[in-house]
Amino acid sequence: MNPRQKGNYYRNKTKAFLEADGWVVENIEVPKRIFVKGQMFYTRKDLWAGDLIAVKDQTLLVIQNKSNPVDINKGIKELKEAPWPDNVKKWVVIWKLRSSEPTIIEVNQI
């Protein structure tokens, strides 16, 4: 599985996990086109450090997915530096191999 497929897999897994809990979830990655030496490449860029955005009741949640434990601190740092208001909850969601539930780090409490 290449990195893009792995990212898509865990993003979809997180979306399904949250939707099962009653959240309304949408992808907030922005597709981009890059031109290099006459060739066009497609890539994605996180919108303000988030992969997904979710709403439930009066709560707004921004999620950064991580499947590689080495990247957890990077995800926390990106969410802390992003221009989201303080009342928005920010989570880093980590999926461990063969896990049915993720580990959730709430960035607002760090």
N, C-alpha and C. Protein backbone atom coordinates (compact mmCIF):
# COMPACT_ATOMS: atom_id res chain seq x y z
N MET A 1 0.86 -1.17 0.00
CA MET A 1 0.00 0.00 0.00
C MET A 1 0.90 1.24 0.00
N ASN A 2 0.70 2.13 -0.97
CA ASN A 2 1.53 3.33 -1.00
C ASN A 2 1.01 4.36 0.01
N PRO A 3 1.78 5.42 0.30
CA PRO A 3 1.37 6.39 1.33
C PRO A 3 0.01 7.05 1.07
N ARG A 4 -0.32 7.33 -0.19
CA ARG A 4 -1.60 7.96 -0.49
C ARG A 4 -2.74 6.99 -0.17
N GLN A 5 -2.59 5.73 -0.57
CA GLN A 5 -3.63 4.73 -0.29
C GLN A 5 -3.79 4.54 1.21
N LYS A 6 -2.67 4.52 1.92
CA LYS A 6 -2.71 4.34 3.38
C LYS A 6 -3.44 5.52 4.03
N GLY A 7 -3.13 6.74 3.57
CA GLY A 7 -3.80 7.93 4.11
C GLY A 7 -5.29 7.90 3.84
N ASN A 8 -5.68 7.54 2.61
CA ASN A 8 -7.10 7.45 2.27
C ASN A 8 -7.81 6.40 3.12
N TYR A 9 -7.15 5.26 3.31
CA TYR A 9 -7.74 4.18 4.10
C TYR A 9 -8.04 4.65 5.53
N TYR A 10 -7.06 5.26 6.18
CA TYR A 10 -7.25 5.69 7.57
C TYR A 10 -8.18 6.90 7.68
N ARG A 11 -8.20 7.76 6.70
CA ARG A 11 -9.14 8.89 6.68
C ARG A 11 -10.57 8.35 6.60
N ASN A 12 -10.80 7.40 5.71
CA ASN A 12 -12.13 6.80 5.59
C ASN A 12 -12.52 6.02 6.84
N LYS A 13 -11.54 5.37 7.45
CA LYS A 13 -11.80 4.62 8.67
C LYS A 13 -12.19 5.57 9.81
N THR A 14 -11.51 6.71 9.90
CA THR A 14 -11.84 7.71 10.91
C THR A 14 -13.22 8.29 10.66
N LYS A 15 -13.52 8.58 9.40
CA LYS A 15 -14.83 9.12 9.04
C LYS A 15 -15.94 8.15 9.45
N ALA A 16 -15.79 6.89 9.13
CA ALA A 16 -16.79 5.88 9.49
C ALA A 16 -16.92 5.75 11.00
N PHE A 17 -15.80 5.79 11.72
CA PHE A 17 -15.79 5.70 13.18
C PHE A 17 -16.59 6.84 13.79
N LEU A 18 -16.35 8.07 13.32
CA LEU A 18 -17.05 9.24 13.87
C LEU A 18 -18.53 9.26 13.47
N GLU A 19 -18.83 8.89 12.22
CA GLU A 19 -20.22 8.86 11.78
C GLU A 19 -21.03 7.84 12.57
N ALA A 20 -20.43 6.74 12.96
CA ALA A 20 -21.11 5.74 13.78
C ALA A 20 -21.46 6.30 15.16
N ASP A 21 -20.71 7.34 15.58
CA ASP A 21 -20.95 7.98 16.87
C ASP A 21 -21.87 9.20 16.73
N GLY A 22 -22.40 9.45 15.53
CA GLY A 22 -23.36 10.54 15.35
C GLY A 22 -22.79 11.84 14.81
N TRP A 23 -21.51 11.88 14.47
CA TRP A 23 -20.90 13.08 13.91
C TRP A 23 -21.23 13.18 12.42
N VAL A 24 -21.32 14.40 11.90
CA VAL A 24 -21.41 14.65 10.46
C VAL A 24 -19.99 15.04 10.05
N VAL A 25 -19.39 14.28 9.13
CA VAL A 25 -17.96 14.41 8.83
C VAL A 25 -17.75 14.70 7.34
N GLU A 26 -16.82 15.60 7.05
CA GLU A 26 -16.44 15.92 5.67
C GLU A 26 -14.92 16.03 5.55
N ASN A 27 -14.43 15.73 4.37
CA ASN A 27 -13.02 15.84 4.06
C ASN A 27 -12.69 17.31 3.79
N ILE A 28 -11.59 17.82 4.35
CA ILE A 28 -11.21 19.21 4.09
C ILE A 28 -9.83 19.33 3.45
N GLU A 29 -9.39 18.26 2.81
CA GLU A 29 -8.16 18.36 2.03
C GLU A 29 -8.50 19.01 0.69
N VAL A 30 -7.63 19.88 0.23
CA VAL A 30 -7.86 20.60 -1.01
C VAL A 30 -7.01 19.97 -2.12
N PRO A 31 -7.66 19.55 -3.22
CA PRO A 31 -6.86 19.00 -4.33
C PRO A 31 -6.11 20.14 -5.05
N LYS A 32 -4.89 19.88 -5.43
CA LYS A 32 -4.06 20.88 -6.12
C LYS A 32 -3.45 20.27 -7.36
N ARG A 33 -3.23 21.11 -8.38
CA ARG A 33 -2.51 20.70 -9.57
C ARG A 33 -1.16 21.41 -9.57
N ILE A 34 -0.12 20.68 -9.88
CA ILE A 34 1.23 21.24 -9.94
C ILE A 34 1.78 20.98 -11.33
N PHE A 35 2.34 22.02 -11.94
CA PHE A 35 2.96 21.88 -13.25
C PHE A 35 4.48 21.90 -13.09
N VAL A 36 5.13 20.85 -13.57
CA VAL A 36 6.58 20.74 -13.51
C VAL A 36 7.08 20.32 -14.89
N LYS A 37 7.88 21.19 -15.49
CA LYS A 37 8.47 20.91 -16.81
C LYS A 37 7.43 20.42 -17.81
N GLY A 38 6.30 21.11 -17.86
CA GLY A 38 5.27 20.79 -18.84
C GLY A 38 4.37 19.63 -18.47
N GLN A 39 4.59 19.02 -17.32
CA GLN A 39 3.73 17.91 -16.89
C GLN A 39 2.88 18.37 -15.71
N MET A 40 1.66 17.82 -15.64
CA MET A 40 0.75 18.16 -14.57
C MET A 40 0.67 17.00 -13.59
N PHE A 41 0.81 17.32 -12.31
CA PHE A 41 0.70 16.34 -11.24
C PHE A 41 -0.40 16.78 -10.29
N TYR A 42 -1.09 15.81 -9.70
CA TYR A 42 -2.14 16.11 -8.72
C TYR A 42 -1.64 15.76 -7.33
N THR A 43 -1.97 16.61 -6.39
CA THR A 43 -1.61 16.39 -4.99
C THR A 43 -2.73 16.93 -4.12
N ARG A 44 -2.62 16.75 -2.83
CA ARG A 44 -3.61 17.27 -1.88
C ARG A 44 -2.89 18.06 -0.81
N LYS A 45 -3.57 19.08 -0.31
CA LYS A 45 -3.02 19.90 0.77
C LYS A 45 -4.07 20.00 1.86
N ASP A 46 -3.64 19.81 3.09
CA ASP A 46 -4.56 19.94 4.23
C ASP A 46 -5.00 21.39 4.36
N LEU A 47 -6.26 21.59 4.65
CA LEU A 47 -6.78 22.93 4.90
C LEU A 47 -6.55 23.25 6.37
N TRP A 48 -5.66 24.15 6.65
CA TRP A 48 -5.33 24.58 8.01
C TRP A 48 -5.03 23.39 8.92
N ALA A 49 -4.21 22.48 8.41
CA ALA A 49 -3.68 21.33 9.16
C ALA A 49 -4.71 20.23 9.44
N GLY A 50 -5.87 20.28 8.82
CA GLY A 50 -6.88 19.27 9.08
C GLY A 50 -7.13 18.36 7.90
N ASP A 51 -7.41 17.10 8.19
CA ASP A 51 -7.82 16.14 7.17
C ASP A 51 -9.34 16.08 7.06
N LEU A 52 -10.00 16.14 8.23
CA LEU A 52 -11.45 16.04 8.29
C LEU A 52 -12.00 17.12 9.22
N ILE A 53 -13.24 17.48 8.99
CA ILE A 53 -13.95 18.38 9.90
C ILE A 53 -15.26 17.68 10.26
N ALA A 54 -15.65 17.78 11.53
CA ALA A 54 -16.85 17.09 11.99
C ALA A 54 -17.68 18.02 12.87
N VAL A 55 -18.99 17.80 12.82
CA VAL A 55 -19.94 18.59 13.61
C VAL A 55 -20.90 17.64 14.31
N LYS A 56 -21.13 17.93 15.59
CA LYS A 56 -22.12 17.17 16.36
C LYS A 56 -22.66 18.10 17.43
N ASP A 57 -23.96 18.25 17.48
CA ASP A 57 -24.62 19.18 18.40
C ASP A 57 -24.02 20.58 18.20
N GLN A 58 -23.39 21.14 19.19
CA GLN A 58 -22.79 22.48 19.09
C GLN A 58 -21.27 22.41 19.08
N THR A 59 -20.71 21.27 18.68
CA THR A 59 -19.27 21.06 18.71
C THR A 59 -18.70 20.96 17.31
N LEU A 60 -17.64 21.71 17.06
CA LEU A 60 -16.91 21.64 15.80
C LEU A 60 -15.56 21.00 16.08
N LEU A 61 -15.20 20.02 15.27
CA LEU A 61 -14.01 19.22 15.50
C LEU A 61 -13.16 19.17 14.23
N VAL A 62 -11.87 19.44 14.37
CA VAL A 62 -10.93 19.33 13.26
C VAL A 62 -10.03 18.14 13.56
N ILE A 63 -9.87 17.24 12.59
CA ILE A 63 -9.14 16.00 12.80
C ILE A 63 -7.93 15.92 11.88
N GLN A 64 -6.80 15.54 12.44
CA GLN A 64 -5.59 15.23 11.68
C GLN A 64 -5.34 13.74 11.90
N ASN A 65 -5.35 12.95 10.83
CA ASN A 65 -5.12 11.51 10.92
C ASN A 65 -3.63 11.21 10.85
N LYS A 66 -3.20 10.27 11.65
CA LYS A 66 -1.82 9.80 11.60
C LYS A 66 -1.81 8.29 11.73
N SER A 67 -1.09 7.65 10.84
CA SER A 67 -0.94 6.20 10.93
C SER A 67 0.48 5.82 11.30
N ASN A 68 1.37 6.79 11.21
CA ASN A 68 2.78 6.57 11.54
C ASN A 68 3.08 7.24 12.88
N PRO A 69 3.44 6.49 13.91
CA PRO A 69 3.69 7.08 15.23
C PRO A 69 4.76 8.17 15.24
N VAL A 70 5.65 8.16 14.28
CA VAL A 70 6.71 9.18 14.21
C VAL A 70 6.12 10.55 13.90
N ASP A 71 4.98 10.60 13.21
CA ASP A 71 4.37 11.87 12.78
C ASP A 71 3.42 12.49 13.79
N ILE A 72 3.22 11.88 14.93
CA ILE A 72 2.22 12.37 15.89
C ILE A 72 2.55 13.78 16.35
N ASN A 73 3.78 14.03 16.76
CA ASN A 73 4.16 15.37 17.24
C ASN A 73 4.04 16.41 16.14
N LYS A 74 4.31 16.02 14.90
CA LYS A 74 4.15 16.92 13.76
C LYS A 74 2.68 17.33 13.62
N GLY A 75 1.77 16.36 13.73
CA GLY A 75 0.34 16.65 13.64
C GLY A 75 -0.13 17.56 14.76
N ILE A 76 0.36 17.33 15.97
CA ILE A 76 -0.01 18.17 17.11
C ILE A 76 0.47 19.60 16.88
N LYS A 77 1.71 19.74 16.43
CA LYS A 77 2.28 21.07 16.19
C LYS A 77 1.51 21.81 15.10
N GLU A 78 1.18 21.12 14.01
CA GLU A 78 0.44 21.75 12.91
C GLU A 78 -0.94 22.24 13.38
N LEU A 79 -1.65 21.43 14.16
CA LEU A 79 -2.96 21.84 14.65
C LEU A 79 -2.88 23.00 15.63
N LYS A 80 -1.84 23.02 16.47
CA LYS A 80 -1.66 24.12 17.41
C LYS A 80 -1.39 25.44 16.68
N GLU A 81 -0.66 25.36 15.57
CA GLU A 81 -0.29 26.57 14.83
C GLU A 81 -1.36 27.01 13.84
N ALA A 82 -2.33 26.17 13.55
CA ALA A 82 -3.38 26.50 12.58
C ALA A 82 -4.29 27.59 13.14
N PRO A 83 -4.90 28.39 12.27
CA PRO A 83 -5.69 29.55 12.73
C PRO A 83 -7.12 29.21 13.16
N TRP A 84 -7.32 28.06 13.80
CA TRP A 84 -8.66 27.73 14.28
C TRP A 84 -8.91 28.45 15.60
N PRO A 85 -10.15 28.92 15.85
CA PRO A 85 -10.46 29.56 17.13
C PRO A 85 -10.31 28.58 18.30
N ASP A 86 -10.16 29.11 19.49
CA ASP A 86 -9.95 28.28 20.68
C ASP A 86 -11.14 27.37 20.99
N ASN A 87 -12.36 27.75 20.57
CA ASN A 87 -13.52 26.93 20.90
C ASN A 87 -13.69 25.73 19.96
N VAL A 88 -12.83 25.61 18.94
CA VAL A 88 -12.86 24.46 18.03
C VAL A 88 -11.99 23.36 18.63
N LYS A 89 -12.55 22.17 18.75
CA LYS A 89 -11.77 21.04 19.26
C LYS A 89 -10.85 20.53 18.16
N LYS A 90 -9.62 20.18 18.52
CA LYS A 90 -8.65 19.68 17.55
C LYS A 90 -8.13 18.33 18.05
N TRP A 91 -8.26 17.33 17.18
CA TRP A 91 -7.83 15.98 17.53
C TRP A 91 -6.78 15.48 16.56
N VAL A 92 -5.83 14.74 17.10
CA VAL A 92 -4.94 13.92 16.27
C VAL A 92 -5.40 12.49 16.52
N VAL A 93 -5.79 11.82 15.44
CA VAL A 93 -6.31 10.46 15.53
C VAL A 93 -5.26 9.50 15.00
N ILE A 94 -4.88 8.54 15.84
CA ILE A 94 -3.84 7.58 15.48
C ILE A 94 -4.46 6.19 15.40
N TRP A 95 -4.24 5.55 14.26
CA TRP A 95 -4.70 4.16 14.09
C TRP A 95 -3.50 3.24 14.19
N LYS A 96 -3.53 2.38 15.20
CA LYS A 96 -2.48 1.37 15.31
C LYS A 96 -2.87 0.17 14.46
N LEU A 97 -1.88 -0.55 14.00
CA LEU A 97 -2.07 -1.70 13.12
C LEU A 97 -3.07 -2.69 13.73
N ARG A 98 -4.06 -3.06 12.93
CA ARG A 98 -5.10 -4.04 13.30
C ARG A 98 -5.97 -3.59 14.48
N SER A 99 -6.06 -2.30 14.71
CA SER A 99 -6.86 -1.77 15.81
C SER A 99 -8.27 -1.46 15.32
N SER A 100 -9.27 -1.75 16.14
CA SER A 100 -10.64 -1.45 15.76
C SER A 100 -11.06 -0.06 16.21
N GLU A 101 -10.32 0.54 17.14
CA GLU A 101 -10.60 1.89 17.60
C GLU A 101 -9.29 2.68 17.63
N PRO A 102 -9.39 3.98 17.33
CA PRO A 102 -8.17 4.79 17.31
C PRO A 102 -7.79 5.30 18.69
N THR A 103 -6.56 5.77 18.78
CA THR A 103 -6.12 6.55 19.92
C THR A 103 -6.34 8.00 19.55
N ILE A 104 -6.96 8.77 20.43
CA ILE A 104 -7.28 10.16 20.15
C ILE A 104 -6.53 11.07 21.11
N ILE A 105 -5.78 12.01 20.54
CA ILE A 105 -5.09 13.02 21.34
C ILE A 105 -5.81 14.33 21.11
N GLU A 106 -6.37 14.91 22.18
CA GLU A 106 -7.05 16.19 22.06
C GLU A 106 -6.02 17.31 22.24
N VAL A 107 -5.74 18.00 21.16
CA VAL A 107 -4.68 19.01 21.12
C VAL A 107 -5.00 20.18 22.04
N ASN A 108 -6.27 20.52 22.22
CA ASN A 108 -6.64 21.65 23.07
C ASN A 108 -6.22 21.45 24.52
N GLN A 109 -6.03 20.20 24.93
CA GLN A 109 -5.71 19.92 26.32
C GLN A 109 -4.21 19.73 26.56
N ILE A 110 -3.42 19.90 25.52
CA ILE A 110 -1.96 19.72 25.67
C ILE A 110 -1.33 21.06 25.95
